Amino acid sequence: MNILKLITFFLSSQIYGIFDFLEIDTSALTSQSSFECLIKQGYSGTILRGYTSYGAVDPNVVSSMKNALAAGMYLVDVYMFPCVPCGNPSGQVQELWDAISSLVPLHRSLNIWVQVTQYAWNKSQSYNQSFILSMMSKISQTGNIPGVYTSILDWNAIVGASWTGAKNFFLWNIQHDDKPNTNSWQPFGGFTTVTLKQYTGTINLCNTTVNKDYYPLDS
C-alpha cells in the first residue's frame, strides 16, 4: 500500500473501527449528493466501473468520478469488466486510462481492478491467464496499481485452481456473506491475503445502486 493512501486512511473520519475501512462499488451513474450521503453513512471510498464487457469505456465513469471527488470521497478507484472476445487487453486498459487520467489527483495512483467472473471468458484457461497478465502489466505501465476482482469459484473456473501467476497482485474477493470482515476467507490462486472484500450483492442506497466493500487497513 503506498504511503499517500495510508495517510489518507488515517486522516479519514469515516474509518470503520480502528483498522477497517468501508467502501462501495457501483456501475451506476451516481450524483454528488449520493456520494455525500454515502460519506455520511460511513463509506469513505468508491470503486467505479470504468470499462464494460462490450468493449468500451463505461459511459458513466467520468461523470461519477467527478461527482465522487467533488463530494470528498477519500478514495476513488475503478474496475474493468474486460471484453475478452474483443482481444487487445492492453489496449482496453489504455482506452480507460486515456478517458480518466486527467481526473486523477496529482501524485495519486489508482487501484485498477480487473474483474474475473464467469462471463464470456475463453474456453482456454491458458489464454485467460495471458489475458489477465497482459492487463496487469499495462495497468502497472500507466503508473497505477493492478488487482484482481474475483471469487474462488470464478477464479478456478476461468484460470484453473492450480494457477498462481497472479498471486503477487492485490485481491478483491467476492464473498456475499453480509459480514464486513475476512474471518472466513479461503485462500486460493496463491493469494495470501485479501486487500478488499465485497460482502453484499447489489442494494439501493442513497439513491443509487451499490455493493458494499470492506477494506482491512492492515492488508
Protein backbone atom coordinates (compact mmCIF):
# COMPACT_ATOMS: atom_id res chain seq x y z
CA MET A 1 0.00 0.00 0.00
CA ASN A 2 1.52 3.38 -0.92
CA ILE A 3 2.29 5.99 1.76
CA LEU A 4 -0.17 8.57 0.43
CA LYS A 5 -3.03 6.08 0.61
CA LEU A 6 -2.03 5.05 4.14
CA ILE A 7 -2.00 8.68 5.31
CA THR A 8 -5.38 9.22 3.66
CA PHE A 9 -6.83 6.26 5.55
CA PHE A 10 -5.71 7.63 8.91
CA LEU A 11 -6.99 11.13 8.15
CA SER A 12 -10.42 9.78 7.27
CA SER A 13 -13.07 10.45 9.89
CA GLN A 14 -15.11 7.59 8.49
CA ILE A 15 -12.78 4.72 9.43
CA TYR A 16 -14.73 1.64 10.47
CA GLY A 17 -13.24 0.56 13.76
CA ILE A 18 -9.50 1.11 14.21
CA PHE A 19 -8.05 -0.83 11.32
CA ASP A 20 -11.00 -1.16 8.94
CA PHE A 21 -12.36 0.89 6.09
CA LEU A 22 -15.70 0.73 4.30
CA GLU A 23 -16.23 1.40 0.60
CA ILE A 24 -18.89 0.90 -2.04
CA ASP A 25 -18.61 -0.08 -5.69
CA THR A 26 -21.04 0.83 -8.41
CA SER A 27 -21.62 0.81 -12.15
CA ALA A 28 -24.47 3.32 -11.88
CA LEU A 29 -24.26 7.00 -12.75
CA THR A 30 -24.01 8.44 -9.25
CA SER A 31 -24.58 12.06 -8.30
CA GLN A 32 -22.51 14.23 -5.99
CA SER A 33 -25.38 14.29 -3.48
CA SER A 34 -25.48 10.49 -3.44
CA PHE A 35 -21.77 10.33 -2.71
CA GLU A 36 -22.20 12.93 0.05
CA CYS A 37 -24.96 10.75 1.52
CA LEU A 38 -22.71 7.67 1.36
CA ILE A 39 -19.92 9.51 3.15
CA LYS A 40 -22.33 10.45 5.95
CA GLN A 41 -23.26 6.78 6.27
CA GLY A 42 -19.63 5.81 6.79
CA TYR A 43 -18.38 4.92 3.30
CA SER A 44 -15.11 6.68 2.60
CA GLY A 45 -14.22 5.22 -0.78
CA THR A 46 -15.78 4.12 -4.04
CA ILE A 47 -14.79 1.85 -6.91
CA LEU A 48 -16.41 2.75 -10.20
CA ARG A 49 -16.84 0.55 -13.22
CA GLY A 50 -14.51 2.01 -15.80
CA TYR A 51 -14.76 -0.46 -18.66
CA THR A 52 -17.57 -2.67 -19.95
CA SER A 53 -17.84 -6.23 -21.17
CA TYR A 54 -18.94 -4.99 -24.61
CA GLY A 55 -15.58 -3.33 -25.20
CA ALA A 56 -15.90 0.37 -24.36
CA VAL A 57 -15.20 2.80 -21.56
CA ASP A 58 -18.19 2.88 -19.22
CA PRO A 59 -20.27 5.94 -20.19
CA ASN A 60 -20.87 6.73 -16.50
CA VAL A 61 -17.32 6.61 -15.18
CA VAL A 62 -16.14 10.15 -15.95
CA SER A 63 -19.21 11.86 -14.51
CA SER A 64 -19.33 9.58 -11.48
CA MET A 65 -15.63 10.11 -10.81
CA LYS A 66 -16.04 13.88 -10.96
CA ASN A 67 -19.00 13.66 -8.59
CA ALA A 68 -17.18 11.39 -6.13
CA LEU A 69 -14.18 13.71 -5.98
CA ALA A 70 -16.36 16.78 -5.60
CA ALA A 71 -18.24 15.10 -2.75
CA GLY A 72 -14.99 14.44 -0.91
CA MET A 73 -14.63 10.69 -1.27
CA TYR A 74 -11.19 9.86 0.14
CA LEU A 75 -10.54 7.04 -2.32
CA VAL A 76 -11.87 6.85 -5.86
CA ASP A 77 -10.71 3.81 -7.80
CA VAL A 78 -12.00 1.90 -10.83
CA TYR A 79 -12.59 -1.63 -12.02
CA MET A 80 -12.64 -3.08 -15.50
CA PHE A 81 -15.13 -5.64 -16.80
CA PRO A 82 -12.91 -6.72 -19.68
CA CYS A 83 -14.15 -7.67 -23.12
CA VAL A 84 -12.27 -10.92 -23.60
CA PRO A 85 -13.71 -11.68 -27.07
CA CYS A 86 -12.52 -8.24 -28.21
CA GLY A 87 -8.87 -9.13 -27.55
CA ASN A 88 -6.20 -6.45 -27.13
CA PRO A 89 -6.19 -6.41 -23.30
CA SER A 90 -3.51 -3.72 -23.04
CA GLY A 91 -5.45 -1.55 -25.48
CA GLN A 92 -8.53 -1.77 -23.27
CA VAL A 93 -6.51 -0.55 -20.29
CA GLN A 94 -5.06 2.31 -22.32
CA GLU A 95 -8.52 3.31 -23.54
CA LEU A 96 -9.76 3.56 -19.96
CA TRP A 97 -6.68 5.45 -18.79
CA ASP A 98 -6.98 7.95 -21.63
CA ALA A 99 -10.56 8.66 -20.51
CA ILE A 100 -9.90 9.19 -16.79
CA SER A 101 -6.24 10.15 -16.33
CA SER A 102 -6.94 13.90 -16.32
CA LEU A 103 -9.28 13.45 -13.34
CA VAL A 104 -6.79 11.66 -11.10
CA PRO A 105 -5.33 13.90 -8.37
CA LEU A 106 -1.62 14.64 -8.62
CA HIS A 107 0.70 12.06 -7.05
CA ARG A 108 -2.17 9.59 -6.69
CA SER A 109 -2.04 6.07 -8.09
CA LEU A 110 -5.35 4.36 -8.70
CA ASN A 111 -6.19 0.82 -7.84
CA ILE A 112 -7.44 -0.55 -11.16
CA TRP A 113 -9.16 -3.88 -10.63
CA VAL A 114 -9.72 -6.46 -13.37
CA GLN A 115 -13.00 -8.33 -12.96
CA VAL A 116 -12.57 -12.08 -13.38
CA THR A 117 -16.07 -13.51 -13.18
CA GLN A 118 -17.78 -16.05 -15.40
CA TYR A 119 -18.89 -14.05 -18.41
CA ALA A 120 -17.57 -14.56 -21.95
CA TRP A 121 -14.10 -15.77 -20.98
CA ASN A 122 -12.21 -18.04 -23.34
CA LYS A 123 -12.54 -21.80 -23.03
CA SER A 124 -8.75 -21.95 -22.81
CA GLN A 125 -7.55 -21.28 -19.28
CA SER A 126 -4.05 -20.55 -20.54
CA TYR A 127 -5.47 -17.87 -22.86
CA ASN A 128 -7.32 -16.33 -19.93
CA GLN A 129 -4.17 -16.37 -17.82
CA SER A 130 -2.25 -14.50 -20.51
CA PHE A 131 -5.10 -12.03 -20.99
CA ILE A 132 -5.14 -11.18 -17.28
CA LEU A 133 -1.37 -10.79 -17.07
CA SER A 134 -1.37 -8.50 -20.11
CA MET A 135 -3.94 -6.24 -18.45
CA MET A 136 -1.99 -6.23 -15.19
CA SER A 137 1.23 -5.34 -16.96
CA LYS A 138 -0.39 -2.45 -18.80
CA ILE A 139 -2.01 -1.12 -15.62
CA SER A 140 1.42 -1.06 -13.99
CA GLN A 141 2.86 0.73 -17.02
CA THR A 142 0.30 3.52 -16.60
CA GLY A 143 1.64 4.07 -13.08
CA ASN A 144 -1.33 2.52 -11.33
CA ILE A 145 -1.83 -0.49 -9.06
CA PRO A 146 -3.32 -3.64 -10.61
CA GLY A 147 -5.59 -6.03 -8.78
CA VAL A 148 -7.96 -8.94 -9.37
CA TYR A 149 -11.69 -8.76 -8.60
CA THR A 150 -12.99 -12.33 -8.34
CA SER A 151 -14.28 -15.21 -6.21
CA ILE A 152 -12.79 -18.61 -5.60
CA LEU A 153 -15.38 -20.29 -7.85
CA ASP A 154 -14.91 -17.82 -10.70
CA TRP A 155 -11.13 -17.95 -10.45
CA ASN A 156 -10.91 -21.72 -10.51
CA ALA A 157 -13.27 -21.96 -13.49
CA ILE A 158 -11.58 -19.26 -15.57
CA VAL A 159 -7.85 -19.76 -14.93
CA GLY A 160 -7.67 -23.08 -13.07
CA ALA A 161 -7.31 -23.89 -9.39
CA SER A 162 -3.60 -24.62 -9.68
CA TRP A 163 -2.57 -21.36 -11.39
CA THR A 164 -0.73 -18.90 -9.13
CA GLY A 165 0.58 -16.48 -11.76
CA ALA A 166 -1.31 -13.50 -10.32
CA LYS A 167 -0.54 -14.17 -6.65
CA ASN A 168 1.54 -11.03 -6.23
CA PHE A 169 -1.30 -8.71 -7.22
CA PHE A 170 -3.96 -7.33 -4.90
CA LEU A 171 -7.09 -9.44 -4.42
CA TRP A 172 -10.62 -8.04 -4.18
CA ASN A 173 -12.57 -11.08 -3.09
CA ILE A 174 -16.29 -11.57 -3.75
CA GLN A 175 -17.92 -13.21 -0.74
CA HIS A 176 -21.52 -12.17 -0.14
CA ASP A 177 -22.00 -13.11 3.50
CA ASP A 178 -23.04 -9.65 4.80
CA LYS A 179 -20.01 -9.63 7.10
CA PRO A 180 -17.50 -6.74 6.93
CA ASN A 181 -14.54 -8.92 7.85
CA THR A 182 -12.28 -11.53 6.25
CA ASN A 183 -12.50 -14.13 9.01
CA SER A 184 -13.94 -16.85 6.76
CA TRP A 185 -11.75 -16.25 3.71
CA GLN A 186 -10.50 -19.40 1.99
CA PRO A 187 -7.14 -18.87 0.23
CA PHE A 188 -6.94 -19.65 -3.49
CA GLY A 189 -4.80 -18.87 -6.51
CA GLY A 190 -1.68 -18.40 -4.40
CA PHE A 191 -3.09 -15.23 -2.81
CA THR A 192 -2.03 -14.94 0.81
CA THR A 193 -4.22 -12.02 1.87
CA VAL A 194 -7.38 -10.15 0.91
CA THR A 195 -6.95 -6.49 0.06
CA LEU A 196 -10.68 -5.85 -0.32
CA LYS A 197 -13.84 -7.87 0.22
CA GLN A 198 -17.20 -7.32 -1.49
CA TYR A 199 -19.55 -8.55 1.20
CA THR A 200 -23.00 -7.74 -0.21
CA GLY A 201 -24.72 -8.06 -3.53
CA THR A 202 -26.37 -5.08 -5.22
CA ILE A 203 -28.56 -2.92 -2.99
CA ASN A 204 -30.19 0.50 -3.21
CA LEU A 205 -28.53 3.10 -1.00
CA CYS A 206 -28.50 6.91 -1.15
CA ASN A 207 -30.47 6.98 -4.41
CA THR A 208 -28.03 4.76 -6.28
CA THR A 209 -27.21 1.07 -6.61
CA VAL A 210 -24.12 -0.22 -4.87
CA ASN A 211 -22.29 -3.21 -3.48
CA LYS A 212 -20.69 -2.89 -0.05
CA ASP A 213 -16.97 -3.49 0.41
CA TYR A 214 -14.67 -3.95 3.38
CA TYR A 215 -11.03 -2.84 3.34
CA PRO A 216 -8.87 -4.19 6.19
CA LEU A 217 -6.33 -1.44 6.66
CA ASP A 218 -3.61 -3.85 7.72
CA SER A 219 -3.82 -5.69 4.37
